[in-house]
Amino acid sequence: MDAYMLDGNAVAGLLREVFAVEMTTATATCGECGAAGPVGALRVFRGAGIVMRCGRCDAAMVTIAEGDGRMCLGLPGVRMLQIAL
């Protein structure tokens, strides 16, 4: 396993800061391959920022960068995000 790879649960606290609900149990559908599963199961790569990738096709689904008191969240590969209320 890659030393820089974790699973989506590694950023639970970070996601909690952005969303008012538990996000690791939300269901994300990949825009590339259509795989659907919990955000907590996405593969997380940390470097200058965070990239969360699909476990089936490796597409970048979520990007997160922090700096200057701001957080930039991108969902380039998420077709749908289902959040329990």
PDB file of N, CA and C in Angstrom:
ATOM      1  N   MET A   1       0.836  -1.178   0.000  1.00  0.00           N
ATOM      2  CA  MET A   1       0.000   0.000   0.000  1.00  0.00           C
ATOM      3  C   MET A   1       0.884   1.246   0.000  1.00  0.00           C
ATOM      4  N   ASP A   2       0.485   2.250  -0.741  1.00  0.00           N
ATOM      5  CA  ASP A   2       1.208   3.507  -0.855  1.00  0.00           C
ATOM      6  C   ASP A   2       1.251   4.205   0.507  1.00  0.00           C
ATOM      7  N   ALA A   3       2.409   4.679   0.921  1.00  0.00           N
ATOM      8  CA  ALA A   3       2.569   5.327   2.217  1.00  0.00           C
ATOM      9  C   ALA A   3       1.750   6.606   2.328  1.00  0.00           C
ATOM     10  N   TYR A   4       1.375   7.210   1.196  1.00  0.00           N
ATOM     11  CA  TYR A   4       0.611   8.445   1.213  1.00  0.00           C
ATOM     12  C   TYR A   4      -0.891   8.220   1.084  1.00  0.00           C
ATOM     13  N   MET A   5      -1.315   6.961   0.929  1.00  0.00           N
ATOM     14  CA  MET A   5      -2.728   6.668   0.731  1.00  0.00           C
ATOM     15  C   MET A   5      -3.391   6.245   2.034  1.00  0.00           C
ATOM     16  N   LEU A   6      -4.554   6.830   2.300  1.00  0.00           N
ATOM     17  CA  LEU A   6      -5.388   6.468   3.432  1.00  0.00           C
ATOM     18  C   LEU A   6      -6.778   6.213   2.880  1.00  0.00           C
ATOM     19  N   ASP A   7      -7.768   6.007   3.747  1.00  0.00           N
ATOM     20  CA  ASP A   7      -9.133   5.940   3.251  1.00  0.00           C
ATOM     21  C   ASP A   7      -9.862   7.219   3.642  1.00  0.00           C
ATOM     22  N   GLY A   8     -11.076   7.366   3.132  1.00  0.00           N
ATOM     23  CA  GLY A   8     -11.834   8.598   3.333  1.00  0.00           C
ATOM     24  C   GLY A   8     -12.099   8.952   4.785  1.00  0.00           C
ATOM     25  N   ASN A   9     -12.049   7.965   5.682  1.00  0.00           N
ATOM     26  CA  ASN A   9     -12.265   8.241   7.106  1.00  0.00           C
ATOM     27  C   ASN A   9     -11.164   9.129   7.687  1.00  0.00           C
ATOM     28  N   ALA A  10     -10.011   9.190   7.028  1.00  0.00           N
ATOM     29  CA  ALA A  10      -8.886   9.990   7.515  1.00  0.00           C
ATOM     30  C   ALA A  10      -9.183  11.488   7.487  1.00  0.00           C
ATOM     31  N   VAL A  11     -10.168  11.901   6.704  1.00  0.00           N
ATOM     32  CA  VAL A  11     -10.502  13.322   6.613  1.00  0.00           C
ATOM     33  C   VAL A  11     -11.890  13.612   7.186  1.00  0.00           C
ATOM     34  N   ALA A  12     -12.372  12.745   8.074  1.00  0.00           N
ATOM     35  CA  ALA A  12     -13.700  12.921   8.668  1.00  0.00           C
ATOM     36  C   ALA A  12     -13.833  14.275   9.377  1.00  0.00           C
ATOM     37  N   GLY A  13     -12.836  14.643  10.171  1.00  0.00           N
ATOM     38  CA  GLY A  13     -12.896  15.917  10.892  1.00  0.00           C
ATOM     39  C   GLY A  13     -12.891  17.100   9.948  1.00  0.00           C
ATOM     40  N   LEU A  14     -12.095  17.014   8.914  1.00  0.00           N
ATOM     41  CA  LEU A  14     -12.018  18.075   7.918  1.00  0.00           C
ATOM     42  C   LEU A  14     -13.367  18.243   7.211  1.00  0.00           C
ATOM     43  N   LEU A  15     -13.974  17.144   6.812  1.00  0.00           N
ATOM     44  CA  LEU A  15     -15.273  17.212   6.142  1.00  0.00           C
ATOM     45  C   LEU A  15     -16.351  17.721   7.095  1.00  0.00           C
ATOM     46  N   ARG A  16     -16.226  17.396   8.365  1.00  0.00           N
ATOM     47  CA  ARG A  16     -17.201  17.855   9.366  1.00  0.00           C
ATOM     48  C   ARG A  16     -17.156  19.380   9.493  1.00  0.00           C
ATOM     49  N   GLU A  17     -15.984  19.976   9.277  1.00  0.00           N
ATOM     50  CA  GLU A  17     -15.865  21.430   9.333  1.00  0.00           C
ATOM     51  C   GLU A  17     -16.633  22.096   8.195  1.00  0.00           C
ATOM     52  N   VAL A  18     -16.712  21.430   7.055  1.00  0.00           N
ATOM     53  CA  VAL A  18     -17.355  22.001   5.880  1.00  0.00           C
ATOM     54  C   VAL A  18     -18.844  21.687   5.847  1.00  0.00           C
ATOM     55  N   PHE A  19     -19.204  20.455   6.169  1.00  0.00           N
ATOM     56  CA  PHE A  19     -20.589  20.020   6.114  1.00  0.00           C
ATOM     57  C   PHE A  19     -21.128  19.856   7.527  1.00  0.00           C
ATOM     58  N   ALA A  20     -22.394  20.148   7.716  1.00  0.00           N
ATOM     59  CA  ALA A  20     -23.001  20.081   9.050  1.00  0.00           C
ATOM     60  C   ALA A  20     -23.496  18.676   9.384  1.00  0.00           C
ATOM     61  N   VAL A  21     -23.175  17.696   8.557  1.00  0.00           N
ATOM     62  CA  VAL A  21     -23.603  16.321   8.789  1.00  0.00           C
ATOM     63  C   VAL A  21     -22.404  15.395   8.651  1.00  0.00           C
ATOM     64  N   GLU A  22     -22.548  14.164   9.098  1.00  0.00           N
ATOM     65  CA  GLU A  22     -21.496  13.161   8.965  1.00  0.00           C
ATOM     66  C   GLU A  22     -21.333  12.804   7.493  1.00  0.00           C
ATOM     67  N   MET A  23     -20.170  13.098   6.927  1.00  0.00           N
ATOM     68  CA  MET A  23     -19.961  12.909   5.492  1.00  0.00           C
ATOM     69  C   MET A  23     -19.360  11.563   5.116  1.00  0.00           C
ATOM     70  N   THR A  24     -18.728  10.872   6.043  1.00  0.00           N
ATOM     71  CA  THR A  24     -18.104   9.602   5.659  1.00  0.00           C
ATOM     72  C   THR A  24     -19.147   8.544   5.320  1.00  0.00           C
ATOM     73  N   THR A  25     -20.394   8.739   5.790  1.00  0.00           N
ATOM     74  CA  THR A  25     -21.456   7.788   5.472  1.00  0.00           C
ATOM     75  C   THR A  25     -22.293   8.238   4.272  1.00  0.00           C
ATOM     76  N   ALA A  26     -22.031   9.434   3.764  1.00  0.00           N
ATOM     77  CA  ALA A  26     -22.720   9.903   2.554  1.00  0.00           C
ATOM     78  C   ALA A  26     -22.303   9.021   1.387  1.00  0.00           C
ATOM     79  N   THR A  27     -23.185   8.847   0.412  1.00  0.00           N
ATOM     80  CA  THR A  27     -22.889   8.017  -0.752  1.00  0.00           C
ATOM     81  C   THR A  27     -22.470   8.895  -1.915  1.00  0.00           C
ATOM     82  N   ALA A  28     -21.283   8.639  -2.449  1.00  0.00           N
ATOM     83  CA  ALA A  28     -20.771   9.370  -3.604  1.00  0.00           C
ATOM     84  C   ALA A  28     -20.787   8.446  -4.819  1.00  0.00           C
ATOM     85  N   THR A  29     -21.292   8.956  -5.941  1.00  0.00           N
ATOM     86  CA  THR A  29     -21.301   8.198  -7.188  1.00  0.00           C
ATOM     87  C   THR A  29     -20.237   8.769  -8.110  1.00  0.00           C
ATOM     88  N   CYS A  30     -19.351   7.908  -8.592  1.00  0.00           N
ATOM     89  CA  CYS A  30     -18.258   8.320  -9.463  1.00  0.00           C
ATOM     90  C   CYS A  30     -18.787   8.740 -10.832  1.00  0.00           C
ATOM     91  N   GLY A  31     -18.338   9.880 -11.299  1.00  0.00           N
ATOM     92  CA  GLY A  31     -18.732  10.384 -12.606  1.00  0.00           C
ATOM     93  C   GLY A  31     -18.085   9.634 -13.757  1.00  0.00           C
ATOM     94  N   GLU A  32     -17.014   8.912 -13.490  1.00  0.00           N
ATOM     95  CA  GLU A  32     -16.314   8.159 -14.537  1.00  0.00           C
ATOM     96  C   GLU A  32     -16.916   6.773 -14.741  1.00  0.00           C
ATOM     97  N   CYS A  33     -16.965   5.981 -13.677  1.00  0.00           N
ATOM     98  CA  CYS A  33     -17.365   4.576 -13.818  1.00  0.00           C
ATOM     99  C   CYS A  33     -18.731   4.256 -13.247  1.00  0.00           C
ATOM    100  N   GLY A  34     -19.330   5.196 -12.500  1.00  0.00           N
ATOM    101  CA  GLY A  34     -20.664   4.979 -11.944  1.00  0.00           C
ATOM    102  C   GLY A  34     -20.691   4.217 -10.635  1.00  0.00           C
ATOM    103  N   ALA A  35     -19.518   3.855 -10.092  1.00  0.00           N
ATOM    104  CA  ALA A  35     -19.484   3.150  -8.805  1.00  0.00           C
ATOM    105  C   ALA A  35     -20.027   4.069  -7.715  1.00  0.00           C
ATOM    106  N   ALA A  36     -20.821   3.496  -6.819  1.00  0.00           N
ATOM    107  CA  ALA A  36     -21.387   4.264  -5.708  1.00  0.00           C
ATOM    108  C   ALA A  36     -20.995   3.608  -4.402  1.00  0.00           C
ATOM    109  N   GLY A  37     -20.631   4.414  -3.426  1.00  0.00           N
ATOM    110  CA  GLY A  37     -20.257   3.891  -2.122  1.00  0.00           C
ATOM    111  C   GLY A  37     -20.048   5.026  -1.147  1.00  0.00           C
ATOM    112  N   PRO A  38     -19.797   4.693   0.112  1.00  0.00           N
ATOM    113  CA  PRO A  38     -19.609   5.730   1.127  1.00  0.00           C
ATOM    114  C   PRO A  38     -18.341   6.553   0.890  1.00  0.00           C
ATOM    115  N   VAL A  39     -18.426   7.819   1.220  1.00  0.00           N
ATOM    116  CA  VAL A  39     -17.264   8.714   1.103  1.00  0.00           C
ATOM    117  C   VAL A  39     -16.099   8.168   1.922  1.00  0.00           C
ATOM    118  N   GLY A  40     -16.405   7.530   3.045  1.00  0.00           N
ATOM    119  CA  GLY A  40     -15.360   6.960   3.895  1.00  0.00           C
ATOM    120  C   GLY A  40     -14.573   5.850   3.231  1.00  0.00           C
ATOM    121  N   ALA A  41     -15.079   5.301   2.146  1.00  0.00           N
ATOM    122  CA  ALA A  41     -14.375   4.231   1.439  1.00  0.00           C
ATOM    123  C   ALA A  41     -13.507   4.739   0.292  1.00  0.00           C
ATOM    124  N   LEU A  42     -13.604   6.038  -0.030  1.00  0.00           N
ATOM    125  CA  LEU A  42     -12.759   6.591  -1.090  1.00  0.00           C
ATOM    126  C   LEU A  42     -11.301   6.537  -0.644  1.00  0.00           C
ATOM    127  N   ARG A  43     -10.408   6.420  -1.597  1.00  0.00           N
ATOM    128  CA  ARG A  43      -8.980   6.403  -1.282  1.00  0.00           C
ATOM    129  C   ARG A  43      -8.481   7.835  -1.210  1.00  0.00           C
ATOM    130  N   VAL A  44      -7.768   8.155  -0.148  1.00  0.00           N
ATOM    131  CA  VAL A  44      -7.301   9.527   0.107  1.00  0.00           C
ATOM    132  C   VAL A  44      -5.794   9.601  -0.081  1.00  0.00           C
ATOM    133  N   PHE A  45      -5.369  10.570  -0.881  1.00  0.00           N
ATOM    134  CA  PHE A  45      -3.945  10.824  -1.097  1.00  0.00           C
ATOM    135  C   PHE A  45      -3.645  12.229  -0.605  1.00  0.00           C
ATOM    136  N   ARG A  46      -2.651  12.349   0.271  1.00  0.00           N
ATOM    137  CA  ARG A  46      -2.281  13.648   0.844  1.00  0.00           C
ATOM    138  C   ARG A  46      -0.956  14.098   0.264  1.00  0.00           C
ATOM    139  N   GLY A  47      -0.884  15.360  -0.051  1.00  0.00           N
ATOM    140  CA  GLY A  47       0.345  15.967  -0.553  1.00  0.00           C
ATOM    141  C   GLY A  47       0.220  17.450  -0.287  1.00  0.00           C
ATOM    142  N   ALA A  48       0.325  18.274  -1.313  1.00  0.00           N
ATOM    143  CA  ALA A  48       0.117  19.716  -1.163  1.00  0.00           C
ATOM    144  C   ALA A  48      -1.342  19.990  -0.816  1.00  0.00           C
ATOM    145  N   GLY A  49      -2.215  19.060  -1.167  1.00  0.00           N
ATOM    146  CA  GLY A  49      -3.637  19.106  -0.849  1.00  0.00           C
ATOM    147  C   GLY A  49      -4.094  17.675  -0.669  1.00  0.00           C
ATOM    148  N   ILE A  50      -5.387  17.471  -0.749  1.00  0.00           N
ATOM    149  CA  ILE A  50      -5.958  16.136  -0.598  1.00  0.00           C
ATOM    150  C   ILE A  50      -6.715  15.790  -1.867  1.00  0.00           C
ATOM    151  N   VAL A  51      -6.524  14.587  -2.357  1.00  0.00           N
ATOM    152  CA  VAL A  51      -7.293  14.073  -3.489  1.00  0.00           C
ATOM    153  C   VAL A  51      -7.942  12.782  -3.028  1.00  0.00           C
ATOM    154  N   MET A  52      -9.267  12.708  -3.179  1.00  0.00           N
ATOM    155  CA  MET A  52     -10.013  11.500  -2.834  1.00  0.00           C
ATOM    156  C   MET A  52     -10.403  10.825  -4.145  1.00  0.00           C
ATOM    157  N   ARG A  53      -9.978   9.560  -4.308  1.00  0.00           N
ATOM    158  CA  ARG A  53     -10.145   8.851  -5.577  1.00  0.00           C
ATOM    159  C   ARG A  53     -11.098   7.666  -5.455  1.00  0.00           C
ATOM    160  N   CYS A  54     -11.737   7.365  -6.563  1.00  0.00           N
ATOM    161  CA  CYS A  54     -12.624   6.212  -6.673  1.00  0.00           C
ATOM    162  C   CYS A  54     -11.805   4.938  -6.466  1.00  0.00           C
ATOM    163  N   GLY A  55     -12.334   4.020  -5.673  1.00  0.00           N
ATOM    164  CA  GLY A  55     -11.649   2.766  -5.424  1.00  0.00           C
ATOM    165  C   GLY A  55     -11.700   1.808  -6.596  1.00  0.00           C
ATOM    166  N   ARG A  56     -12.617   2.041  -7.533  1.00  0.00           N
ATOM    167  CA  ARG A  56     -12.741   1.135  -8.673  1.00  0.00           C
ATOM    168  C   ARG A  56     -11.941   1.604  -9.886  1.00  0.00           C
ATOM    169  N   CYS A  57     -12.059   2.891 -10.256  1.00  0.00           N
ATOM    170  CA  CYS A  57     -11.392   3.355 -11.487  1.00  0.00           C
ATOM    171  C   CYS A  57     -10.277   4.366 -11.234  1.00  0.00           C
ATOM    172  N   ASP A  58     -10.084   4.779  -9.985  1.00  0.00           N
ATOM    173  CA  ASP A  58      -9.023   5.704  -9.590  1.00  0.00           C
ATOM    174  C   ASP A  58      -9.254   7.149 -10.045  1.00  0.00           C
ATOM    175  N   ALA A  59     -10.459   7.486 -10.496  1.00  0.00           N
ATOM    176  CA  ALA A  59     -10.757   8.864 -10.893  1.00  0.00           C
ATOM    177  C   ALA A  59     -10.728   9.785  -9.666  1.00  0.00           C
ATOM    178  N   ALA A  60     -10.235  11.008  -9.855  1.00  0.00           N
ATOM    179  CA  ALA A  60     -10.252  12.004  -8.780  1.00  0.00           C
ATOM    180  C   ALA A  60     -11.688  12.473  -8.583  1.00  0.00           C
ATOM    181  N   MET A  61     -12.255  12.190  -7.420  1.00  0.00           N
ATOM    182  CA  MET A  61     -13.644  12.547  -7.152  1.00  0.00           C
ATOM    183  C   MET A  61     -13.763  13.834  -6.338  1.00  0.00           C
ATOM    184  N   VAL A  62     -12.887  14.005  -5.354  1.00  0.00           N
ATOM    185  CA  VAL A  62     -12.934  15.173  -4.469  1.00  0.00           C
ATOM    186  C   VAL A  62     -11.520  15.718  -4.316  1.00  0.00           C
ATOM    187  N   THR A  63     -11.389  17.042  -4.366  1.00  0.00           N
ATOM    188  CA  THR A  63     -10.103  17.686  -4.086  1.00  0.00           C
ATOM    189  C   THR A  63     -10.305  18.702  -2.967  1.00  0.00           C
ATOM    190  N   ILE A  64      -9.339  18.777  -2.073  1.00  0.00           N
ATOM    191  CA  ILE A  64      -9.421  19.707  -0.945  1.00  0.00           C
ATOM    192  C   ILE A  64      -8.061  20.375  -0.785  1.00  0.00           C
ATOM    193  N   ALA A  65      -8.063  21.690  -0.697  1.00  0.00           N
ATOM    194  CA  ALA A  65      -6.831  22.449  -0.433  1.00  0.00           C
ATOM    195  C   ALA A  65      -7.146  23.503   0.615  1.00  0.00           C
ATOM    196  N   GLU A  66      -6.190  23.745   1.498  1.00  0.00           N
ATOM    197  CA  GLU A  66      -6.356  24.755   2.538  1.00  0.00           C
ATOM    198  C   GLU A  66      -5.212  25.746   2.474  1.00  0.00           C
ATOM    199  N   GLY A  67      -5.507  26.996   2.795  1.00  0.00           N
ATOM    200  CA  GLY A  67      -4.481  28.026   2.848  1.00  0.00           C
ATOM    201  C   GLY A  67      -5.100  29.391   3.002  1.00  0.00           C
ATOM    202  N   ASP A  68      -4.384  30.295   3.606  1.00  0.00           N
ATOM    203  CA  ASP A  68      -4.825  31.678   3.812  1.00  0.00           C
ATOM    204  C   ASP A  68      -6.197  31.747   4.482  1.00  0.00           C
ATOM    205  N   GLY A  69      -6.455  30.828   5.428  1.00  0.00           N
ATOM    206  CA  GLY A  69      -7.713  30.855   6.165  1.00  0.00           C
ATOM    207  C   GLY A  69      -8.920  30.416   5.354  1.00  0.00           C
ATOM    208  N   ARG A  70      -8.684  29.756   4.220  1.00  0.00           N
ATOM    209  CA  ARG A  70      -9.787  29.291   3.372  1.00  0.00           C
ATOM    210  C   ARG A  70      -9.604  27.826   3.041  1.00  0.00           C
ATOM    211  N   MET A  71     -10.703  27.201   2.690  1.00  0.00           N
ATOM    212  CA  MET A  71     -10.664  25.834   2.196  1.00  0.00           C
ATOM    213  C   MET A  71     -11.311  25.817   0.822  1.00  0.00           C
ATOM    214  N   CYS A  72     -10.649  25.178  -0.125  1.00  0.00           N
ATOM    215  CA  CYS A  72     -11.200  25.031  -1.474  1.00  0.00           C
ATOM    216  C   CYS A  72     -11.559  23.563  -1.661  1.00  0.00           C
ATOM    217  N   LEU A  73     -12.830  23.306  -1.907  1.00  0.00           N
ATOM    218  CA  LEU A  73     -13.338  21.956  -2.067  1.00  0.00           C
ATOM    219  C   LEU A  73     -13.859  21.796  -3.481  1.00  0.00           C
ATOM    220  N   GLY A  74     -13.313  20.826  -4.207  1.00  0.00           N
ATOM    221  CA  GLY A  74     -13.777  20.550  -5.559  1.00  0.00           C
ATOM    222  C   GLY A  74     -14.374  19.154  -5.625  1.00  0.00           C
ATOM    223  N   LEU A  75     -15.403  19.002  -6.425  1.00  0.00           N
ATOM    224  CA  LEU A  75     -16.042  17.700  -6.612  1.00  0.00           C
ATOM    225  C   LEU A  75     -16.029  17.341  -8.099  1.00  0.00           C
ATOM    226  N   PRO A  76     -14.845  17.320  -8.716  1.00  0.00           N
ATOM    227  CA  PRO A  76     -14.774  17.150 -10.165  1.00  0.00           C
ATOM    228  C   PRO A  76     -15.260  15.807 -10.682  1.00  0.00           C
ATOM    229  N   GLY A  77     -15.181  14.773  -9.867  1.00  0.00           N
ATOM    230  CA  GLY A  77     -15.563  13.454 -10.344  1.00  0.00           C
ATOM    231  C   GLY A  77     -16.773  12.859  -9.655  1.00  0.00           C
ATOM    232  N   VAL A  78     -17.544  13.692  -8.953  1.00  0.00           N
ATOM    233  CA  VAL A  78     -18.730  13.197  -8.255  1.00  0.00           C
ATOM    234  C   VAL A  78     -19.963  13.475  -9.105  1.00  0.00           C
ATOM    235  N   ARG A  79     -20.606  12.410  -9.539  1.00  0.00           N
ATOM    236  CA  ARG A  79     -21.848  12.547 -10.312  1.00  0.00           C
ATOM    237  C   ARG A  79     -22.995  12.908  -9.389  1.00  0.00           C
ATOM    238  N   MET A  80     -23.035  12.263  -8.209  1.00  0.00           N
ATOM    239  CA  MET A  80     -24.096  12.519  -7.251  1.00  0.00           C
ATOM    240  C   MET A  80     -23.564  12.292  -5.845  1.00  0.00           C
ATOM    241  N   LEU A  81     -24.041  13.095  -4.909  1.00  0.00           N
ATOM    242  CA  LEU A  81     -23.671  12.950  -3.511  1.00  0.00           C
ATOM    243  C   LEU A  81     -24.962  12.860  -2.714  1.00  0.00           C
ATOM    244  N   GLN A  82     -25.196  11.714  -2.085  1.00  0.00           N
ATOM    245  CA  GLN A  82     -26.418  11.498  -1.307  1.00  0.00           C
ATOM    246  C   GLN A  82     -26.063  11.611   0.162  1.00  0.00           C
ATOM    247  N   ILE A  83     -26.702  12.558   0.853  1.00  0.00           N
ATOM    248  CA  ILE A  83     -26.397  12.841   2.259  1.00  0.00           C
ATOM    249  C   ILE A  83     -27.647  12.588   3.096  1.00  0.00           C
ATOM    250  N   ALA A  84     -27.506  11.762   4.138  1.00  0.00           N
ATOM    251  CA  ALA A  84     -28.625  11.511   5.048  1.00  0.00           C
ATOM    252  C   ALA A  84     -28.841  12.745   5.920  1.00  0.00           C
ATOM    253  N   LEU A  85     -30.075  13.143   6.074  1.00  0.00           N
ATOM    254  CA  LEU A  85     -30.390  14.336   6.882  1.00  0.00           C
ATOM    255  C   LEU A  85     -30.841  13.973   8.271  1.00  0.00           C
TER     256      LEU A  85
END
